[in-house]
Amino acid sequence: MACHETRLRVKAILNNSKNEILFYGFYDIKHRRSLKLPEGIVEYGEAPEITLKRLMREIANIEVEPLALLGVYTKFDSASKNNCESGHVITLVFVCLILDFKKGINETKNSQTCLWLNKKAIESQFLMEETDNKILKDYVAWRIDKSTFWTNKRY
């Protein structure tokens, strides 16, 4: 039986004072080092910005405030029709301000590690999913023109 649910996901972009971005570092099923922007599924009855704040407390022990909506991205995965973890996912990406960083980030959780990385380290050392690559390119453009992006927007 196919799963036809649409899920709403949030992702966060956080910069530190060294112009590094926060990522999850993990090993994929082929034991390759991979990166992801912090992300989570919006729970029923929860506003996306509340999900984002909860997510960052759970993942990294950081209090954040969403500053801007960077973009809205859509992904379809028709290869896994019987898996509700795949399918149709709409992702809202927020640029966030760190409000409380005194506690420090959680170093590891569920075999994942929070990492602050600069652009050079990201490009040379890690694999990243296509959507996150697009989001990072859009973020670079957003820092200049403050425009909102979406899946099929061209520069």
N, C-alpha and C. Protein backbone atom coordinates (compact mmCIF):
# COMPACT_ATOMS: atom_id res chain seq x y z
N MET A 1 0.84 -1.18 0.00
CA MET A 1 0.00 0.00 0.00
C MET A 1 0.88 1.24 0.00
N ALA A 2 0.62 2.17 -0.88
CA ALA A 2 1.43 3.38 -1.01
C ALA A 2 1.06 4.39 0.07
N CYS A 3 2.03 5.16 0.48
CA CYS A 3 1.82 6.23 1.44
C CYS A 3 1.76 7.54 0.67
N HIS A 4 0.66 8.26 0.78
CA HIS A 4 0.51 9.50 0.03
C HIS A 4 0.51 10.72 0.94
N GLU A 5 1.18 10.64 2.04
CA GLU A 5 1.22 11.77 2.96
C GLU A 5 2.25 12.79 2.50
N THR A 6 1.92 14.05 2.74
CA THR A 6 2.86 15.13 2.53
C THR A 6 3.36 15.55 3.90
N ARG A 7 4.66 15.63 4.05
CA ARG A 7 5.24 16.02 5.33
C ARG A 7 5.87 17.39 5.21
N LEU A 8 5.78 18.14 6.30
CA LEU A 8 6.39 19.46 6.39
C LEU A 8 7.61 19.35 7.29
N ARG A 9 8.75 19.80 6.76
CA ARG A 9 10.01 19.71 7.48
C ARG A 9 10.59 21.12 7.59
N VAL A 10 11.34 21.38 8.65
CA VAL A 10 12.07 22.64 8.79
C VAL A 10 13.56 22.34 8.84
N LYS A 11 14.34 23.28 8.33
CA LYS A 11 15.80 23.23 8.42
C LYS A 11 16.27 24.59 8.92
N ALA A 12 17.42 24.59 9.59
CA ALA A 12 17.97 25.82 10.15
C ALA A 12 19.34 26.11 9.56
N ILE A 13 19.58 27.39 9.33
CA ILE A 13 20.93 27.84 8.98
C ILE A 13 21.37 28.77 10.10
N LEU A 14 22.47 28.38 10.75
CA LEU A 14 23.05 29.17 11.83
C LEU A 14 24.50 29.45 11.51
N ASN A 15 24.89 30.70 11.68
CA ASN A 15 26.29 31.11 11.52
C ASN A 15 26.85 31.46 12.89
N ASN A 16 28.13 31.11 13.12
CA ASN A 16 28.79 31.58 14.33
C ASN A 16 29.66 32.79 13.99
N SER A 17 30.39 33.29 14.96
CA SER A 17 31.20 34.50 14.75
C SER A 17 32.37 34.28 13.79
N LYS A 18 32.70 33.04 13.48
CA LYS A 18 33.79 32.73 12.54
C LYS A 18 33.25 32.49 11.12
N ASN A 19 31.98 32.81 10.90
CA ASN A 19 31.31 32.61 9.61
C ASN A 19 31.25 31.13 9.22
N GLU A 20 31.11 30.28 10.22
CA GLU A 20 30.94 28.85 10.00
C GLU A 20 29.46 28.52 10.16
N ILE A 21 29.02 27.46 9.49
CA ILE A 21 27.63 27.04 9.52
C ILE A 21 27.52 25.73 10.31
N LEU A 22 26.44 25.60 11.07
CA LEU A 22 26.23 24.40 11.88
C LEU A 22 25.64 23.28 11.03
N PHE A 23 26.25 22.10 11.14
CA PHE A 23 25.80 20.90 10.43
C PHE A 23 25.74 19.73 11.40
N TYR A 24 25.00 18.71 10.98
CA TYR A 24 25.09 17.38 11.56
C TYR A 24 26.12 16.63 10.74
N GLY A 25 27.08 16.04 11.37
CA GLY A 25 27.99 15.14 10.68
C GLY A 25 27.62 13.72 11.05
N PHE A 26 27.58 12.83 10.09
CA PHE A 26 27.22 11.45 10.36
C PHE A 26 27.81 10.55 9.29
N TYR A 27 27.71 9.26 9.51
CA TYR A 27 28.16 8.29 8.52
C TYR A 27 26.93 7.66 7.89
N ASP A 28 26.87 7.65 6.55
CA ASP A 28 25.71 7.08 5.86
C ASP A 28 25.82 5.56 5.82
N ILE A 29 24.87 4.92 5.15
CA ILE A 29 24.84 3.45 5.14
C ILE A 29 26.04 2.83 4.45
N LYS A 30 26.74 3.59 3.64
CA LYS A 30 27.96 3.09 3.00
C LYS A 30 29.21 3.52 3.77
N HIS A 31 29.01 4.01 5.00
CA HIS A 31 30.09 4.43 5.90
C HIS A 31 30.89 5.59 5.34
N ARG A 32 30.22 6.47 4.59
CA ARG A 32 30.85 7.68 4.09
C ARG A 32 30.49 8.84 5.02
N ARG A 33 31.42 9.75 5.24
CA ARG A 33 31.17 10.92 6.08
C ARG A 33 30.26 11.87 5.33
N SER A 34 29.13 12.21 5.92
CA SER A 34 28.13 13.06 5.26
C SER A 34 27.72 14.20 6.18
N LEU A 35 27.12 15.22 5.57
CA LEU A 35 26.63 16.38 6.30
C LEU A 35 25.16 16.62 6.02
N LYS A 36 24.50 17.21 6.99
CA LYS A 36 23.12 17.68 6.83
C LYS A 36 22.96 18.96 7.61
N LEU A 37 22.15 19.86 7.10
CA LEU A 37 21.73 20.99 7.91
C LEU A 37 20.78 20.46 8.98
N PRO A 38 20.75 21.08 10.17
CA PRO A 38 19.81 20.63 11.20
C PRO A 38 18.38 20.65 10.66
N GLU A 39 17.64 19.56 10.88
CA GLU A 39 16.30 19.45 10.31
C GLU A 39 15.40 18.62 11.21
N GLY A 40 14.10 18.81 11.03
CA GLY A 40 13.13 18.02 11.77
C GLY A 40 11.75 18.16 11.16
N ILE A 41 10.89 17.20 11.46
CA ILE A 41 9.52 17.18 10.94
C ILE A 41 8.62 17.99 11.88
N VAL A 42 7.75 18.81 11.29
CA VAL A 42 6.77 19.58 12.05
C VAL A 42 5.70 18.60 12.56
N GLU A 43 5.50 18.59 13.86
CA GLU A 43 4.52 17.71 14.46
C GLU A 43 3.12 18.32 14.35
N TYR A 44 2.11 17.47 14.37
CA TYR A 44 0.73 17.92 14.27
C TYR A 44 0.44 18.96 15.37
N GLY A 45 -0.13 20.09 14.98
CA GLY A 45 -0.49 21.15 15.92
C GLY A 45 0.66 22.08 16.27
N GLU A 46 1.81 21.89 15.69
CA GLU A 46 3.00 22.69 16.01
C GLU A 46 3.29 23.65 14.86
N ALA A 47 3.55 24.89 15.17
CA ALA A 47 3.92 25.87 14.14
C ALA A 47 5.36 25.61 13.71
N PRO A 48 5.69 25.86 12.44
CA PRO A 48 7.06 25.59 11.96
C PRO A 48 8.15 26.29 12.78
N GLU A 49 7.91 27.54 13.18
CA GLU A 49 8.94 28.26 13.94
C GLU A 49 9.12 27.66 15.34
N ILE A 50 8.07 27.11 15.91
CA ILE A 50 8.17 26.42 17.20
C ILE A 50 8.94 25.11 17.03
N THR A 51 8.66 24.40 15.95
CA THR A 51 9.42 23.18 15.63
C THR A 51 10.90 23.50 15.53
N LEU A 52 11.22 24.58 14.85
CA LEU A 52 12.62 24.97 14.66
C LEU A 52 13.31 25.22 16.01
N LYS A 53 12.65 25.96 16.88
CA LYS A 53 13.23 26.25 18.19
C LYS A 53 13.43 24.97 19.00
N ARG A 54 12.40 24.10 19.00
CA ARG A 54 12.50 22.82 19.71
C ARG A 54 13.64 21.97 19.15
N LEU A 55 13.69 21.91 17.84
CA LEU A 55 14.71 21.13 17.15
C LEU A 55 16.12 21.57 17.56
N MET A 56 16.37 22.86 17.57
CA MET A 56 17.72 23.34 17.89
C MET A 56 18.07 23.11 19.36
N ARG A 57 17.06 23.16 20.24
CA ARG A 57 17.32 22.80 21.64
C ARG A 57 17.68 21.32 21.75
N GLU A 58 16.94 20.46 21.03
CA GLU A 58 17.18 19.02 21.10
C GLU A 58 18.49 18.61 20.45
N ILE A 59 18.76 19.17 19.28
CA ILE A 59 19.94 18.77 18.51
C ILE A 59 21.23 19.34 19.09
N ALA A 60 21.20 20.65 19.37
CA ALA A 60 22.46 21.32 19.66
C ALA A 60 22.49 22.09 20.97
N ASN A 61 21.40 22.05 21.76
CA ASN A 61 21.37 22.77 23.02
C ASN A 61 21.56 24.28 22.81
N ILE A 62 20.96 24.80 21.74
CA ILE A 62 21.07 26.21 21.39
C ILE A 62 19.67 26.81 21.32
N GLU A 63 19.50 28.01 21.90
CA GLU A 63 18.25 28.76 21.77
C GLU A 63 18.39 29.66 20.55
N VAL A 64 17.42 29.59 19.64
CA VAL A 64 17.48 30.38 18.41
C VAL A 64 16.18 31.14 18.20
N GLU A 65 16.26 32.14 17.34
CA GLU A 65 15.09 32.88 16.87
C GLU A 65 15.17 32.93 15.35
N PRO A 66 14.12 32.48 14.66
CA PRO A 66 14.13 32.59 13.19
C PRO A 66 14.11 34.06 12.78
N LEU A 67 15.03 34.44 11.89
CA LEU A 67 15.10 35.81 11.39
C LEU A 67 14.38 35.98 10.06
N ALA A 68 14.55 35.00 9.21
CA ALA A 68 14.01 35.11 7.85
C ALA A 68 13.75 33.73 7.29
N LEU A 69 12.78 33.67 6.39
CA LEU A 69 12.53 32.44 5.64
C LEU A 69 13.43 32.47 4.42
N LEU A 70 14.43 31.61 4.40
CA LEU A 70 15.33 31.54 3.25
C LEU A 70 14.61 30.99 2.04
N GLY A 71 13.84 29.92 2.24
CA GLY A 71 13.18 29.33 1.09
C GLY A 71 12.24 28.20 1.43
N VAL A 72 11.53 27.77 0.38
CA VAL A 72 10.60 26.65 0.46
C VAL A 72 11.02 25.67 -0.62
N TYR A 73 11.31 24.44 -0.24
CA TYR A 73 11.85 23.45 -1.16
C TYR A 73 10.97 22.20 -1.12
N THR A 74 10.76 21.61 -2.28
CA THR A 74 9.92 20.43 -2.40
C THR A 74 10.73 19.28 -2.96
N LYS A 75 10.53 18.10 -2.39
CA LYS A 75 11.23 16.91 -2.86
C LYS A 75 10.23 15.77 -2.99
N PHE A 76 10.28 15.08 -4.11
CA PHE A 76 9.45 13.90 -4.34
C PHE A 76 10.38 12.70 -4.47
N ASP A 77 10.03 11.62 -3.81
CA ASP A 77 10.80 10.39 -3.93
C ASP A 77 9.84 9.28 -4.30
N SER A 78 9.65 9.08 -5.59
CA SER A 78 8.69 8.07 -6.05
C SER A 78 9.27 6.66 -6.01
N ALA A 79 10.56 6.53 -5.75
CA ALA A 79 11.19 5.21 -5.73
C ALA A 79 10.74 4.38 -4.53
N SER A 80 10.30 5.04 -3.47
CA SER A 80 9.92 4.33 -2.24
C SER A 80 8.44 4.51 -1.96
N LYS A 81 7.60 4.06 -2.85
CA LYS A 81 6.16 4.27 -2.74
C LYS A 81 5.55 3.62 -1.50
N ASN A 82 6.16 2.58 -0.97
CA ASN A 82 5.60 1.90 0.18
C ASN A 82 6.20 2.37 1.50
N ASN A 83 7.01 3.40 1.45
CA ASN A 83 7.70 3.87 2.64
C ASN A 83 7.24 5.29 2.96
N CYS A 84 6.58 5.47 4.08
CA CYS A 84 6.08 6.80 4.45
C CYS A 84 7.21 7.74 4.85
N GLU A 85 8.42 7.25 5.01
CA GLU A 85 9.56 8.12 5.26
C GLU A 85 10.00 8.80 3.97
N SER A 86 9.57 8.31 2.86
CA SER A 86 9.87 8.93 1.57
C SER A 86 8.58 9.56 1.07
N GLY A 87 8.54 9.94 -0.17
CA GLY A 87 7.32 10.52 -0.72
C GLY A 87 7.47 12.00 -0.98
N HIS A 88 6.52 12.79 -0.50
CA HIS A 88 6.46 14.22 -0.77
C HIS A 88 6.82 14.98 0.50
N VAL A 89 7.91 15.73 0.45
CA VAL A 89 8.36 16.50 1.61
C VAL A 89 8.52 17.96 1.20
N ILE A 90 7.89 18.85 1.96
CA ILE A 90 8.05 20.29 1.78
C ILE A 90 8.92 20.78 2.92
N THR A 91 10.00 21.48 2.58
CA THR A 91 10.95 21.95 3.59
C THR A 91 10.98 23.47 3.63
N LEU A 92 10.78 24.01 4.83
CA LEU A 92 10.93 25.45 5.08
C LEU A 92 12.30 25.65 5.70
N VAL A 93 13.11 26.52 5.10
CA VAL A 93 14.46 26.77 5.61
C VAL A 93 14.50 28.16 6.21
N PHE A 94 14.91 28.23 7.48
CA PHE A 94 14.98 29.50 8.20
C PHE A 94 16.42 29.88 8.48
N VAL A 95 16.73 31.15 8.29
CA VAL A 95 17.99 31.73 8.75
C VAL A 95 17.72 32.14 10.19
N CYS A 96 18.59 31.72 11.10
CA CYS A 96 18.32 31.91 12.53
C CYS A 96 19.40 32.73 13.22
N LEU A 97 18.98 33.39 14.29
CA LEU A 97 19.86 34.11 15.19
C LEU A 97 20.05 33.25 16.43
N ILE A 98 21.28 33.09 16.88
CA ILE A 98 21.55 32.34 18.10
C ILE A 98 21.32 33.27 19.29
N LEU A 99 20.39 32.91 20.18
CA LEU A 99 20.07 33.72 21.35
C LEU A 99 20.89 33.32 22.56
N ASP A 100 21.06 32.03 22.78
CA ASP A 100 21.77 31.54 23.95
C ASP A 100 22.72 30.43 23.52
N PHE A 101 23.99 30.75 23.60
CA PHE A 101 25.02 29.80 23.19
C PHE A 101 25.93 29.46 24.37
N LYS A 102 25.57 29.94 25.55
CA LYS A 102 26.43 29.77 26.73
C LYS A 102 26.61 28.31 27.12
N LYS A 103 25.59 27.50 26.89
CA LYS A 103 25.65 26.10 27.30
C LYS A 103 26.55 25.27 26.40
N GLY A 104 26.80 25.75 25.20
CA GLY A 104 27.59 24.98 24.24
C GLY A 104 26.74 23.95 23.53
N ILE A 105 27.19 23.50 22.37
CA ILE A 105 26.39 22.55 21.60
C ILE A 105 26.60 21.14 22.12
N ASN A 106 25.57 20.32 21.95
CA ASN A 106 25.69 18.89 22.26
C ASN A 106 26.68 18.32 21.27
N GLU A 107 27.69 17.66 21.75
CA GLU A 107 28.71 17.14 20.86
C GLU A 107 28.21 15.96 20.03
N THR A 108 27.52 15.03 20.66
CA THR A 108 27.01 13.89 19.90
C THR A 108 25.62 13.54 20.37
N LYS A 109 24.83 13.04 19.45
CA LYS A 109 23.49 12.55 19.78
C LYS A 109 23.11 11.55 18.71
N ASN A 110 22.75 10.35 19.13
CA ASN A 110 22.31 9.32 18.19
C ASN A 110 23.33 9.09 17.08
N SER A 111 24.58 8.98 17.42
CA SER A 111 25.69 8.75 16.49
C SER A 111 25.88 9.87 15.47
N GLN A 112 25.31 11.02 15.76
CA GLN A 112 25.51 12.19 14.91
C GLN A 112 26.28 13.23 15.71
N THR A 113 27.04 14.05 15.03
CA THR A 113 27.86 15.05 15.66
C THR A 113 27.53 16.42 15.11
N CYS A 114 27.41 17.41 15.99
CA CYS A 114 27.24 18.79 15.53
C CYS A 114 28.60 19.35 15.18
N LEU A 115 28.69 19.96 14.02
CA LEU A 115 29.96 20.50 13.53
C LEU A 115 29.76 21.91 13.01
N TRP A 116 30.67 22.82 13.36
CA TRP A 116 30.71 24.14 12.74
C TRP A 116 31.76 24.07 11.64
N LEU A 117 31.36 24.36 10.41
CA LEU A 117 32.28 24.24 9.28
C LEU A 117 32.24 25.47 8.39
N ASN A 118 33.42 25.81 7.85
CA ASN A 118 33.47 26.90 6.87
C ASN A 118 33.29 26.32 5.47
N LYS A 119 33.16 27.20 4.50
CA LYS A 119 32.86 26.77 3.12
C LYS A 119 33.92 25.82 2.56
N LYS A 120 35.18 26.11 2.83
CA LYS A 120 36.27 25.27 2.30
C LYS A 120 36.19 23.85 2.86
N ALA A 121 35.96 23.72 4.15
CA ALA A 121 35.86 22.39 4.77
C ALA A 121 34.65 21.63 4.24
N ILE A 122 33.56 22.33 4.04
CA ILE A 122 32.34 21.70 3.53
C ILE A 122 32.59 21.11 2.15
N GLU A 123 33.20 21.90 1.28
CA GLU A 123 33.39 21.48 -0.12
C GLU A 123 34.42 20.37 -0.26
N SER A 124 35.42 20.33 0.62
CA SER A 124 36.52 19.40 0.41
C SER A 124 36.41 18.08 1.18
N GLN A 125 35.67 18.05 2.27
CA GLN A 125 35.75 16.90 3.16
C GLN A 125 34.49 16.06 3.28
N PHE A 126 33.36 16.55 2.79
CA PHE A 126 32.11 15.88 3.12
C PHE A 126 31.20 15.72 1.92
N LEU A 127 30.33 14.71 2.00
CA LEU A 127 29.24 14.53 1.05
C LEU A 127 28.02 15.24 1.62
N MET A 128 27.19 15.78 0.74
CA MET A 128 25.99 16.45 1.18
C MET A 128 24.88 16.18 0.18
N GLU A 129 23.65 16.06 0.66
CA GLU A 129 22.55 15.81 -0.25
C GLU A 129 22.32 17.03 -1.15
N GLU A 130 21.76 16.78 -2.31
CA GLU A 130 21.57 17.81 -3.34
C GLU A 130 20.78 19.01 -2.83
N THR A 131 19.72 18.75 -2.06
CA THR A 131 18.90 19.85 -1.55
C THR A 131 19.70 20.77 -0.66
N ASP A 132 20.53 20.22 0.23
CA ASP A 132 21.34 21.07 1.11
C ASP A 132 22.37 21.86 0.32
N ASN A 133 22.92 21.28 -0.74
CA ASN A 133 23.83 22.05 -1.61
C ASN A 133 23.12 23.26 -2.20
N LYS A 134 21.90 23.06 -2.69
CA LYS A 134 21.12 24.17 -3.25
C LYS A 134 20.80 25.20 -2.18
N ILE A 135 20.42 24.74 -1.00
CA ILE A 135 20.11 25.66 0.10
C ILE A 135 21.32 26.52 0.44
N LEU A 136 22.51 25.93 0.49
CA LEU A 136 23.71 26.72 0.80
C LEU A 136 24.01 27.75 -0.28
N LYS A 137 23.83 27.39 -1.55
CA LYS A 137 24.00 28.36 -2.64
C LYS A 137 22.99 29.49 -2.51
N ASP A 138 21.75 29.13 -2.19
CA ASP A 138 20.72 30.15 -2.01
C ASP A 138 21.03 31.05 -0.82
N TYR A 139 21.61 30.47 0.23
CA TYR A 139 21.96 31.26 1.42
C TYR A 139 23.04 32.29 1.09
N VAL A 140 24.01 31.91 0.29
CA VAL A 140 25.05 32.87 -0.14
C VAL A 140 24.40 34.03 -0.88
N ALA A 141 23.47 33.74 -1.78
CA ALA A 141 22.76 34.80 -2.52
C ALA A 141 21.86 35.60 -1.58
N TRP A 142 21.23 34.95 -0.63
CA TRP A 142 20.34 35.63 0.32
C TRP A 142 21.10 36.66 1.14
N ARG A 143 22.34 36.36 1.49
CA ARG A 143 23.12 37.31 2.29
C ARG A 143 23.35 38.61 1.56
N ILE A 144 23.24 38.60 0.24
CA ILE A 144 23.41 39.81 -0.56
C ILE A 144 22.08 40.50 -0.81
N ASP A 145 21.09 39.74 -1.31
CA ASP A 145 19.85 40.39 -1.75
C ASP A 145 18.61 40.10 -0.91
N LYS A 146 18.72 39.29 0.12
CA LYS A 146 17.62 38.97 1.04
C LYS A 146 16.37 38.46 0.33
N SER A 147 16.54 37.74 -0.76
CA SER A 147 15.44 37.19 -1.55
C SER A 147 15.05 35.82 -1.01
N THR A 148 13.79 35.44 -1.20
CA THR A 148 13.32 34.11 -0.81
C THR A 148 13.47 33.17 -2.00
N PHE A 149 13.83 31.93 -1.74
CA PHE A 149 14.10 30.95 -2.78
C PHE A 149 13.12 29.79 -2.69
N TRP A 150 13.05 29.00 -3.75
CA TRP A 150 12.25 27.79 -3.77
C TRP A 150 12.89 26.80 -4.71
N THR A 151 12.37 25.60 -4.77
CA THR A 151 13.00 24.48 -5.46
C THR A 151 13.44 24.81 -6.88
N ASN A 152 12.58 25.41 -7.68
CA ASN A 152 12.88 25.62 -9.10
C ASN A 152 13.30 27.03 -9.45
N LYS A 153 13.56 27.88 -8.48
CA LYS A 153 13.95 29.26 -8.78
C LYS A 153 15.34 29.29 -9.38
N ARG A 154 15.48 30.05 -10.44
CA ARG A 154 16.78 30.24 -11.09
C ARG A 154 17.34 31.59 -10.64
N TYR A 155 18.65 31.68 -10.61
CA TYR A 155 19.30 32.93 -10.19
C TYR A 155 19.18 33.99 -11.24
